[in-house]
């Protein structure tokens, strides 16, 4: 299952994969992923998988297991909680730039490319 706030990922993956699209911020994606993990899903991609700092990009796509398990994956819990903590820290300490539409499109493409590599 793909959780994203990236319209490009929704458009490209919606036919082949289960996509949960959020019309929100990067932190919204992380929080929804955390909720899924607490519900028995596991991470398949790291929630901060790129060298772009979490306060710099507005888009995030994370892949998690489609099926739920009876037992919570504590490694996934640890990864998502660390990602949320890191993101909160970067946003609090550095803020988020007001990017132009061209740069926002570049960030969509970067996020799409990263997750495409993970899927292949």
Protein backbone atom coordinates (compact mmCIF):
# COMPACT_ATOMS: atom_id res chain seq x y z
CA UNK A 1 0.00 0.00 0.00
CA UNK A 2 1.28 3.44 -0.89
CA UNK A 3 0.61 6.43 1.36
CA UNK A 4 1.36 9.76 -0.30
CA UNK A 5 0.55 13.42 -0.59
CA UNK A 6 2.25 13.58 -4.00
CA UNK A 7 -0.27 14.01 -6.86
CA UNK A 8 2.26 12.59 -9.34
CA UNK A 9 2.53 9.35 -7.35
CA UNK A 10 -1.25 9.10 -7.14
CA UNK A 11 -1.60 9.54 -10.90
CA UNK A 12 1.18 7.07 -11.75
CA UNK A 13 0.48 4.29 -9.22
CA UNK A 14 -3.27 4.40 -8.63
CA UNK A 15 -4.07 1.82 -11.33
CA UNK A 16 -1.57 -0.82 -10.17
CA UNK A 17 -1.34 -0.34 -6.38
CA UNK A 18 -3.56 0.58 -3.48
CA UNK A 19 -2.84 4.28 -2.92
CA UNK A 20 -3.99 6.30 0.05
CA UNK A 21 -3.77 9.92 -1.09
CA UNK A 22 -3.68 12.68 1.49
CA UNK A 23 -4.33 16.28 0.57
CA UNK A 24 -1.97 17.47 3.28
CA UNK A 25 1.57 18.03 4.42
CA UNK A 26 4.53 15.70 4.84
CA UNK A 27 3.76 15.39 8.56
CA UNK A 28 0.23 14.23 7.72
CA UNK A 29 1.69 11.37 5.67
CA UNK A 30 3.98 10.32 8.52
CA UNK A 31 1.15 10.39 11.04
CA UNK A 32 -1.14 8.30 8.83
CA UNK A 33 1.68 5.81 8.27
CA UNK A 34 2.23 5.65 12.04
CA UNK A 35 -1.48 4.91 12.53
CA UNK A 36 -1.28 2.09 9.97
CA UNK A 37 1.78 0.65 11.70
CA UNK A 38 -0.03 0.68 15.04
CA UNK A 39 -2.83 -1.15 13.24
CA UNK A 40 -0.48 -3.99 12.20
CA UNK A 41 1.14 -2.84 8.95
CA UNK A 42 4.93 -2.69 8.47
CA UNK A 43 7.17 -0.24 6.64
CA UNK A 44 8.57 -1.36 3.30
CA UNK A 45 10.37 1.92 2.61
CA UNK A 46 12.05 4.21 5.09
CA UNK A 47 9.90 7.27 5.87
CA UNK A 48 12.83 9.66 5.35
CA UNK A 49 14.34 7.96 2.29
CA UNK A 50 16.33 10.71 0.61
CA UNK A 51 18.98 13.30 1.30
CA UNK A 52 16.37 16.07 1.17
CA UNK A 53 15.69 17.41 4.64
CA UNK A 54 12.09 16.92 5.77
CA UNK A 55 11.47 20.64 6.17
CA UNK A 56 12.56 21.31 2.59
CA UNK A 57 10.17 19.10 0.65
CA UNK A 58 6.39 19.19 0.94
CA UNK A 59 5.95 15.70 -0.61
CA UNK A 60 6.42 12.27 0.88
CA UNK A 61 5.49 8.81 -0.29
CA UNK A 62 5.87 5.75 1.92
CA UNK A 63 5.19 2.12 1.07
CA UNK A 64 3.79 -0.16 3.76
CA UNK A 65 2.51 -3.73 3.75
CA UNK A 66 -0.99 -4.13 2.38
CA UNK A 67 -2.01 -6.76 4.91
CA UNK A 68 -2.00 -6.37 8.65
CA UNK A 69 -0.38 -8.70 11.14
CA UNK A 70 -1.55 -9.64 14.60
CA UNK A 71 1.78 -8.50 16.07
CA UNK A 72 2.99 -4.90 15.84
CA UNK A 73 6.30 -4.48 14.02
CA UNK A 74 8.31 -2.57 16.61
CA UNK A 75 11.14 -1.84 14.20
CA UNK A 76 8.62 -0.03 11.96
CA UNK A 77 7.24 1.79 15.01
CA UNK A 78 10.75 2.91 15.91
CA UNK A 79 11.52 4.11 12.36
CA UNK A 80 8.29 6.09 11.99
CA UNK A 81 8.55 7.66 15.45
CA UNK A 82 12.13 8.74 14.73
CA UNK A 83 11.04 10.15 11.37
CA UNK A 84 8.23 12.14 13.00
CA UNK A 85 10.57 13.45 15.70
CA UNK A 86 13.20 14.44 13.12
CA UNK A 87 10.61 16.13 10.90
CA UNK A 88 9.14 18.09 13.81
CA UNK A 89 12.63 19.23 14.80
CA UNK A 90 13.58 20.38 11.30
CA UNK A 91 10.28 22.22 10.78
CA UNK A 92 10.49 23.87 14.20
CA UNK A 93 14.16 24.88 13.91
CA UNK A 94 14.39 25.76 10.22
CA UNK A 95 10.87 26.31 8.90
CA UNK A 96 9.64 25.37 5.45
CA UNK A 97 10.50 27.55 2.46
CA UNK A 98 7.76 29.00 0.26
CA UNK A 99 8.73 27.25 -2.97
CA UNK A 100 7.66 28.33 -6.45
CA UNK A 101 5.43 26.02 -8.51
CA UNK A 102 8.41 24.97 -10.63
CA UNK A 103 10.37 23.86 -7.57
CA UNK A 104 7.31 22.11 -6.12
CA UNK A 105 7.02 20.15 -9.39
CA UNK A 106 10.70 19.23 -9.07
CA UNK A 107 10.07 17.92 -5.54
CA UNK A 108 7.10 15.87 -6.85
CA UNK A 109 9.36 14.32 -9.48
CA UNK A 110 12.13 13.57 -6.96
CA UNK A 111 9.70 11.86 -4.57
CA UNK A 112 8.15 9.93 -7.48
CA UNK A 113 11.57 8.80 -8.71
CA UNK A 114 12.66 7.65 -5.25
CA UNK A 115 9.53 5.58 -4.70
CA UNK A 116 9.61 4.20 -8.25
CA UNK A 117 13.10 2.85 -7.56
CA UNK A 118 11.79 1.28 -4.36
CA UNK A 119 8.95 -0.42 -6.22
CA UNK A 120 11.27 -1.88 -8.83
